[in-house]
Amino acid sequence: MVSYRYDDEFADAAGLAADQRTDTGVLAQELHRVLPDAVLETGDVMLANGDTVPNLLVVNKVSSTDFFYVGSKF
């Protein structure tokens, strides 16, 4: 688990309010190593400033939530 703050340029482009710019989650690259089905590969993504993020990975929250719920002993 990591806490992070979105870059202001990204947050502005995504329309995130000031109280939505920090979050807690997992790193998709690390989750992909142990639960590859819980991660979506979106391919290369070009940012508004022209930079490219190669092979952007995104946590599939539905898949990972199902896994943790089914695997839970509670």
PDB file of N, CA and C in Angstrom:
ATOM      1  N   MET A   1       0.844  -1.168   0.000  1.00  0.00           N
ATOM      2  CA  MET A   1       0.000   0.000   0.000  1.00  0.00           C
ATOM      3  C   MET A   1       0.893   1.235   0.000  1.00  0.00           C
ATOM      4  N   VAL A   2       0.506   2.191  -0.817  1.00  0.00           N
ATOM      5  CA  VAL A   2       1.222   3.462  -0.875  1.00  0.00           C
ATOM      6  C   VAL A   2       0.217   4.612  -0.862  1.00  0.00           C
ATOM      7  N   SER A   3       0.645   5.720  -0.291  1.00  0.00           N
ATOM      8  CA  SER A   3      -0.130   6.955  -0.373  1.00  0.00           C
ATOM      9  C   SER A   3       0.538   7.813  -1.428  1.00  0.00           C
ATOM     10  N   TYR A   4      -0.257   8.489  -2.251  1.00  0.00           N
ATOM     11  CA  TYR A   4       0.316   9.296  -3.307  1.00  0.00           C
ATOM     12  C   TYR A   4      -0.544  10.523  -3.571  1.00  0.00           C
ATOM     13  N   ARG A   5       0.074  11.479  -4.248  1.00  0.00           N
ATOM     14  CA  ARG A   5      -0.609  12.704  -4.653  1.00  0.00           C
ATOM     15  C   ARG A   5      -0.461  12.824  -6.156  1.00  0.00           C
ATOM     16  N   TYR A   6      -1.582  13.061  -6.844  1.00  0.00           N
ATOM     17  CA  TYR A   6      -1.541  13.238  -8.292  1.00  0.00           C
ATOM     18  C   TYR A   6      -0.792  14.522  -8.645  1.00  0.00           C
ATOM     19  N   ASP A   7      -0.023  14.461  -9.718  1.00  0.00           N
ATOM     20  CA  ASP A   7       0.635  15.627 -10.270  1.00  0.00           C
ATOM     21  C   ASP A   7      -0.441  16.659 -10.626  1.00  0.00           C
ATOM     22  N   ASP A   8      -0.170  17.947 -10.343  1.00  0.00           N
ATOM     23  CA  ASP A   8      -1.165  18.983 -10.584  1.00  0.00           C
ATOM     24  C   ASP A   8      -1.611  19.039 -12.044  1.00  0.00           C
ATOM     25  N   GLU A   9      -0.699  18.849 -12.980  1.00  0.00           N
ATOM     26  CA  GLU A   9      -1.056  18.884 -14.403  1.00  0.00           C
ATOM     27  C   GLU A   9      -2.059  17.770 -14.731  1.00  0.00           C
ATOM     28  N   PHE A  10      -1.788  16.573 -14.225  1.00  0.00           N
ATOM     29  CA  PHE A  10      -2.711  15.459 -14.455  1.00  0.00           C
ATOM     30  C   PHE A  10      -4.043  15.715 -13.762  1.00  0.00           C
ATOM     31  N   ALA A  11      -3.990  16.145 -12.502  1.00  0.00           N
ATOM     32  CA  ALA A  11      -5.215  16.375 -11.735  1.00  0.00           C
ATOM     33  C   ALA A  11      -6.086  17.439 -12.391  1.00  0.00           C
ATOM     34  N   ASP A  12      -5.462  18.508 -12.899  1.00  0.00           N
ATOM     35  CA  ASP A  12      -6.220  19.548 -13.595  1.00  0.00           C
ATOM     36  C   ASP A  12      -6.880  18.986 -14.847  1.00  0.00           C
ATOM     37  N   ALA A  13      -6.120  18.219 -15.631  1.00  0.00           N
ATOM     38  CA  ALA A  13      -6.657  17.647 -16.875  1.00  0.00           C
ATOM     39  C   ALA A  13      -7.769  16.643 -16.594  1.00  0.00           C
ATOM     40  N   ALA A  14      -7.668  15.944 -15.462  1.00  0.00           N
ATOM     41  CA  ALA A  14      -8.673  14.939 -15.102  1.00  0.00           C
ATOM     42  C   ALA A  14      -9.863  15.558 -14.373  1.00  0.00           C
ATOM     43  N   GLY A  15      -9.766  16.848 -14.054  1.00  0.00           N
ATOM     44  CA  GLY A  15     -10.858  17.523 -13.365  1.00  0.00           C
ATOM     45  C   GLY A  15     -10.984  17.148 -11.900  1.00  0.00           C
ATOM     46  N   LEU A  16      -9.864  16.768 -11.272  1.00  0.00           N
ATOM     47  CA  LEU A  16      -9.901  16.391  -9.867  1.00  0.00           C
ATOM     48  C   LEU A  16      -9.919  17.622  -8.970  1.00  0.00           C
ATOM     49  N   ALA A  17     -10.829  17.649  -8.026  1.00  0.00           N
ATOM     50  CA  ALA A  17     -10.902  18.735  -7.048  1.00  0.00           C
ATOM     51  C   ALA A  17      -9.714  18.617  -6.087  1.00  0.00           C
ATOM     52  N   ALA A  18      -9.452  19.676  -5.344  1.00  0.00           N
ATOM     53  CA  ALA A  18      -8.312  19.699  -4.423  1.00  0.00           C
ATOM     54  C   ALA A  18      -8.360  18.550  -3.422  1.00  0.00           C
ATOM     55  N   ASP A  19      -9.556  18.171  -2.964  1.00  0.00           N
ATOM     56  CA  ASP A  19      -9.665  17.090  -1.981  1.00  0.00           C
ATOM     57  C   ASP A  19      -9.629  15.699  -2.609  1.00  0.00           C
ATOM     58  N   GLN A  20      -9.467  15.615  -3.924  1.00  0.00           N
ATOM     59  CA  GLN A  20      -9.388  14.325  -4.621  1.00  0.00           C
ATOM     60  C   GLN A  20      -7.996  14.046  -5.168  1.00  0.00           C
ATOM     61  N   ARG A  21      -7.036  14.845  -4.806  1.00  0.00           N
ATOM     62  CA  ARG A  21      -5.705  14.729  -5.411  1.00  0.00           C
ATOM     63  C   ARG A  21      -4.744  13.839  -4.650  1.00  0.00           C
ATOM     64  N   THR A  22      -5.153  13.323  -3.523  1.00  0.00           N
ATOM     65  CA  THR A  22      -4.351  12.341  -2.801  1.00  0.00           C
ATOM     66  C   THR A  22      -5.169  11.062  -2.682  1.00  0.00           C
ATOM     67  N   ASP A  23      -4.472   9.940  -2.625  1.00  0.00           N
ATOM     68  CA  ASP A  23      -5.159   8.655  -2.568  1.00  0.00           C
ATOM     69  C   ASP A  23      -4.214   7.622  -1.967  1.00  0.00           C
ATOM     70  N   THR A  24      -4.750   6.468  -1.681  1.00  0.00           N
ATOM     71  CA  THR A  24      -3.973   5.330  -1.197  1.00  0.00           C
ATOM     72  C   THR A  24      -4.328   4.140  -2.060  1.00  0.00           C
ATOM     73  N   GLY A  25      -3.339   3.363  -2.436  1.00  0.00           N
ATOM     74  CA  GLY A  25      -3.600   2.207  -3.281  1.00  0.00           C
ATOM     75  C   GLY A  25      -2.385   1.320  -3.382  1.00  0.00           C
ATOM     76  N   VAL A  26      -2.375   0.540  -4.438  1.00  0.00           N
ATOM     77  CA  VAL A  26      -1.248  -0.356  -4.707  1.00  0.00           C
ATOM     78  C   VAL A  26      -0.619   0.046  -6.033  1.00  0.00           C
ATOM     79  N   LEU A  27       0.639  -0.316  -6.219  1.00  0.00           N
ATOM     80  CA  LEU A  27       1.308  -0.063  -7.484  1.00  0.00           C
ATOM     81  C   LEU A  27       0.963  -1.195  -8.444  1.00  0.00           C
ATOM     82  N   ALA A  28       0.406  -0.837  -9.575  1.00  0.00           N
ATOM     83  CA  ALA A  28      -0.026  -1.842 -10.541  1.00  0.00           C
ATOM     84  C   ALA A  28       1.137  -2.741 -10.968  1.00  0.00           C
ATOM     85  N   GLN A  29       2.337  -2.174 -11.110  1.00  0.00           N
ATOM     86  CA  GLN A  29       3.493  -2.967 -11.528  1.00  0.00           C
ATOM     87  C   GLN A  29       3.806  -4.058 -10.512  1.00  0.00           C
ATOM     88  N   GLU A  30       3.664  -3.751  -9.224  1.00  0.00           N
ATOM     89  CA  GLU A  30       3.946  -4.749  -8.187  1.00  0.00           C
ATOM     90  C   GLU A  30       2.828  -5.778  -8.107  1.00  0.00           C
ATOM     91  N   LEU A  31       1.583  -5.329  -8.207  1.00  0.00           N
ATOM     92  CA  LEU A  31       0.449  -6.249  -8.173  1.00  0.00           C
ATOM     93  C   LEU A  31       0.488  -7.198  -9.365  1.00  0.00           C
ATOM     94  N   HIS A  32       0.918  -6.695 -10.517  1.00  0.00           N
ATOM     95  CA  HIS A  32       0.992  -7.502 -11.751  1.00  0.00           C
ATOM     96  C   HIS A  32       1.894  -8.715 -11.578  1.00  0.00           C
ATOM     97  N   ARG A  33       2.927  -8.576 -10.759  1.00  0.00           N
ATOM     98  CA  ARG A  33       3.862  -9.699 -10.545  1.00  0.00           C
ATOM     99  C   ARG A  33       3.197 -10.864  -9.807  1.00  0.00           C
ATOM    100  N   VAL A  34       2.271 -10.572  -8.899  1.00  0.00           N
ATOM    101  CA  VAL A  34       1.663 -11.628  -8.086  1.00  0.00           C
ATOM    102  C   VAL A  34       0.230 -11.962  -8.499  1.00  0.00           C
ATOM    103  N   LEU A  35      -0.502 -11.001  -9.071  1.00  0.00           N
ATOM    104  CA  LEU A  35      -1.882 -11.217  -9.529  1.00  0.00           C
ATOM    105  C   LEU A  35      -2.065 -10.577 -10.907  1.00  0.00           C
ATOM    106  N   PRO A  36      -1.489 -11.165 -11.944  1.00  0.00           N
ATOM    107  CA  PRO A  36      -1.557 -10.528 -13.262  1.00  0.00           C
ATOM    108  C   PRO A  36      -2.981 -10.296 -13.769  1.00  0.00           C
ATOM    109  N   ASP A  37      -3.931 -11.123 -13.369  1.00  0.00           N
ATOM    110  CA  ASP A  37      -5.312 -10.940 -13.826  1.00  0.00           C
ATOM    111  C   ASP A  37      -5.994  -9.737 -13.179  1.00  0.00           C
ATOM    112  N   ALA A  38      -5.402  -9.194 -12.143  1.00  0.00           N
ATOM    113  CA  ALA A  38      -5.987  -8.037 -11.452  1.00  0.00           C
ATOM    114  C   ALA A  38      -5.484  -6.716 -12.030  1.00  0.00           C
ATOM    115  N   VAL A  39      -4.712  -6.790 -13.121  1.00  0.00           N
ATOM    116  CA  VAL A  39      -4.125  -5.591 -13.721  1.00  0.00           C
ATOM    117  C   VAL A  39      -4.464  -5.549 -15.208  1.00  0.00           C
ATOM    118  N   LEU A  40      -4.844  -4.369 -15.680  1.00  0.00           N
ATOM    119  CA  LEU A  40      -5.126  -4.158 -17.097  1.00  0.00           C
ATOM    120  C   LEU A  40      -3.938  -3.475 -17.752  1.00  0.00           C
ATOM    121  N   GLU A  41      -3.523  -3.967 -18.917  1.00  0.00           N
ATOM    122  CA  GLU A  41      -2.468  -3.329 -19.695  1.00  0.00           C
ATOM    123  C   GLU A  41      -3.142  -2.429 -20.718  1.00  0.00           C
ATOM    124  N   THR A  42      -2.925  -1.116 -20.607  1.00  0.00           N
ATOM    125  CA  THR A  42      -3.614  -0.174 -21.489  1.00  0.00           C
ATOM    126  C   THR A  42      -2.792   0.246 -22.689  1.00  0.00           C
ATOM    127  N   GLY A  43      -1.548  -0.203 -22.766  1.00  0.00           N
ATOM    128  CA  GLY A  43      -0.685   0.205 -23.871  1.00  0.00           C
ATOM    129  C   GLY A  43      -0.032   1.541 -23.570  1.00  0.00           C
ATOM    130  N   ASP A  44       0.558   2.145 -24.599  1.00  0.00           N
ATOM    131  CA  ASP A  44       1.221   3.435 -24.432  1.00  0.00           C
ATOM    132  C   ASP A  44       0.170   4.539 -24.331  1.00  0.00           C
ATOM    133  N   VAL A  45       0.388   5.481 -23.416  1.00  0.00           N
ATOM    134  CA  VAL A  45      -0.543   6.594 -23.209  1.00  0.00           C
ATOM    135  C   VAL A  45       0.227   7.898 -23.358  1.00  0.00           C
ATOM    136  N   MET A  46      -0.291   8.796 -24.213  1.00  0.00           N
ATOM    137  CA  MET A  46       0.345  10.095 -24.400  1.00  0.00           C
ATOM    138  C   MET A  46      -0.297  11.118 -23.469  1.00  0.00           C
ATOM    139  N   LEU A  47       0.542  11.819 -22.724  1.00  0.00           N
ATOM    140  CA  LEU A  47       0.075  12.857 -21.819  1.00  0.00           C
ATOM    141  C   LEU A  47      -0.139  14.165 -22.578  1.00  0.00           C
ATOM    142  N   ALA A  48      -0.848  15.093 -21.958  1.00  0.00           N
ATOM    143  CA  ALA A  48      -1.164  16.373 -22.590  1.00  0.00           C
ATOM    144  C   ALA A  48       0.092  17.144 -22.986  1.00  0.00           C
ATOM    145  N   ASN A  49       1.193  16.954 -22.242  1.00  0.00           N
ATOM    146  CA  ASN A  49       2.426  17.689 -22.549  1.00  0.00           C
ATOM    147  C   ASN A  49       3.259  17.015 -23.637  1.00  0.00           C
ATOM    148  N   GLY A  50       2.756  15.899 -24.205  1.00  0.00           N
ATOM    149  CA  GLY A  50       3.459  15.205 -25.277  1.00  0.00           C
ATOM    150  C   GLY A  50       4.300  14.037 -24.812  1.00  0.00           C
ATOM    151  N   ASP A  51       4.551  13.909 -23.514  1.00  0.00           N
ATOM    152  CA  ASP A  51       5.290  12.760 -22.995  1.00  0.00           C
ATOM    153  C   ASP A  51       4.444  11.504 -23.144  1.00  0.00           C
ATOM    154  N   THR A  52       5.120  10.367 -23.273  1.00  0.00           N
ATOM    155  CA  THR A  52       4.427   9.089 -23.391  1.00  0.00           C
ATOM    156  C   THR A  52       4.762   8.208 -22.209  1.00  0.00           C
ATOM    157  N   VAL A  53       3.734   7.579 -21.635  1.00  0.00           N
ATOM    158  CA  VAL A  53       3.924   6.565 -20.596  1.00  0.00           C
ATOM    159  C   VAL A  53       3.830   5.224 -21.311  1.00  0.00           C
ATOM    160  N   PRO A  54       4.947   4.490 -21.406  1.00  0.00           N
ATOM    161  CA  PRO A  54       4.903   3.215 -22.121  1.00  0.00           C
ATOM    162  C   PRO A  54       4.202   2.129 -21.303  1.00  0.00           C
ATOM    163  N   ASN A  55       3.340   1.376 -21.971  1.00  0.00           N
ATOM    164  CA  ASN A  55       2.667   0.220 -21.382  1.00  0.00           C
ATOM    165  C   ASN A  55       2.084   0.526 -20.004  1.00  0.00           C
ATOM    166  N   LEU A  56       1.201   1.504 -19.934  1.00  0.00           N
ATOM    167  CA  LEU A  56       0.571   1.896 -18.674  1.00  0.00           C
ATOM    168  C   LEU A  56      -0.238   0.739 -18.111  1.00  0.00           C
ATOM    169  N   LEU A  57      -0.004   0.411 -16.854  1.00  0.00           N
ATOM    170  CA  LEU A  57      -0.747  -0.639 -16.168  1.00  0.00           C
ATOM    171  C   LEU A  57      -1.731   0.001 -15.203  1.00  0.00           C
ATOM    172  N   VAL A  58      -2.948  -0.548 -15.143  1.00  0.00           N
ATOM    173  CA  VAL A  58      -4.001  -0.010 -14.286  1.00  0.00           C
ATOM    174  C   VAL A  58      -4.589  -1.157 -13.481  1.00  0.00           C
ATOM    175  N   VAL A  59      -4.772  -0.944 -12.183  1.00  0.00           N
ATOM    176  CA  VAL A  59      -5.387  -1.977 -11.340  1.00  0.00           C
ATOM    177  C   VAL A  59      -6.846  -2.115 -11.726  1.00  0.00           C
ATOM    178  N   ASN A  60      -7.252  -3.345 -12.023  1.00  0.00           N
ATOM    179  CA  ASN A  60      -8.648  -3.657 -12.319  1.00  0.00           C
ATOM    180  C   ASN A  60      -9.330  -3.851 -10.976  1.00  0.00           C
ATOM    181  N   LYS A  61      -9.930  -2.783 -10.454  1.00  0.00           N
ATOM    182  CA  LYS A  61     -10.468  -2.811  -9.095  1.00  0.00           C
ATOM    183  C   LYS A  61     -11.561  -3.849  -8.925  1.00  0.00           C
ATOM    184  N   VAL A  62     -12.341  -4.119  -9.960  1.00  0.00           N
ATOM    185  CA  VAL A  62     -13.398  -5.130  -9.854  1.00  0.00           C
ATOM    186  C   VAL A  62     -12.776  -6.504  -9.688  1.00  0.00           C
ATOM    187  N   SER A  63     -11.810  -6.838 -10.518  1.00  0.00           N
ATOM    188  CA  SER A  63     -11.167  -8.144 -10.453  1.00  0.00           C
ATOM    189  C   SER A  63     -10.418  -8.333  -9.141  1.00  0.00           C
ATOM    190  N   SER A  64      -9.647  -7.320  -8.734  1.00  0.00           N
ATOM    191  CA  SER A  64      -8.867  -7.460  -7.502  1.00  0.00           C
ATOM    192  C   SER A  64      -9.767  -7.487  -6.276  1.00  0.00           C
ATOM    193  N   THR A  65     -10.877  -6.741  -6.294  1.00  0.00           N
ATOM    194  CA  THR A  65     -11.816  -6.764  -5.174  1.00  0.00           C
ATOM    195  C   THR A  65     -12.465  -8.136  -5.064  1.00  0.00           C
ATOM    196  N   ASP A  66     -12.870  -8.713  -6.194  1.00  0.00           N
ATOM    197  CA  ASP A  66     -13.455 -10.055  -6.185  1.00  0.00           C
ATOM    198  C   ASP A  66     -12.480 -11.065  -5.614  1.00  0.00           C
ATOM    199  N   PHE A  67     -11.210 -10.948  -6.001  1.00  0.00           N
ATOM    200  CA  PHE A  67     -10.201 -11.881  -5.518  1.00  0.00           C
ATOM    201  C   PHE A  67     -10.069 -11.794  -4.008  1.00  0.00           C
ATOM    202  N   PHE A  68      -9.944 -10.573  -3.488  1.00  0.00           N
ATOM    203  CA  PHE A  68      -9.752 -10.413  -2.053  1.00  0.00           C
ATOM    204  C   PHE A  68     -10.999 -10.823  -1.274  1.00  0.00           C
ATOM    205  N   TYR A  69     -12.183 -10.568  -1.812  1.00  0.00           N
ATOM    206  CA  TYR A  69     -13.417 -10.958  -1.140  1.00  0.00           C
ATOM    207  C   TYR A  69     -13.531 -12.476  -1.090  1.00  0.00           C
ATOM    208  N   VAL A  70     -13.300 -13.123  -2.219  1.00  0.00           N
ATOM    209  CA  VAL A  70     -13.397 -14.585  -2.266  1.00  0.00           C
ATOM    210  C   VAL A  70     -12.325 -15.226  -1.411  1.00  0.00           C
ATOM    211  N   GLY A  71     -11.137 -14.646  -1.390  1.00  0.00           N
ATOM    212  CA  GLY A  71     -10.032 -15.200  -0.624  1.00  0.00           C
ATOM    213  C   GLY A  71     -10.081 -14.876   0.851  1.00  0.00           C
ATOM    214  N   SER A  72     -10.980 -14.003   1.248  1.00  0.00           N
ATOM    215  CA  SER A  72     -11.065 -13.588   2.637  1.00  0.00           C
ATOM    216  C   SER A  72     -11.638 -14.695   3.510  1.00  0.00           C
ATOM    217  N   LYS A  73     -11.175 -14.769   4.747  1.00  0.00           N
ATOM    218  CA  LYS A  73     -11.687 -15.771   5.692  1.00  0.00           C
ATOM    219  C   LYS A  73     -12.676 -15.154   6.652  1.00  0.00           C
ATOM    220  N   PHE A  74     -13.103 -13.911   6.406  1.00  0.00           N
ATOM    221  CA  PHE A  74     -14.044 -13.234   7.294  1.00  0.00           C
ATOM    222  C   PHE A  74     -15.464 -13.597   6.959  1.00  0.00           C
TER     223      PHE A  74
END
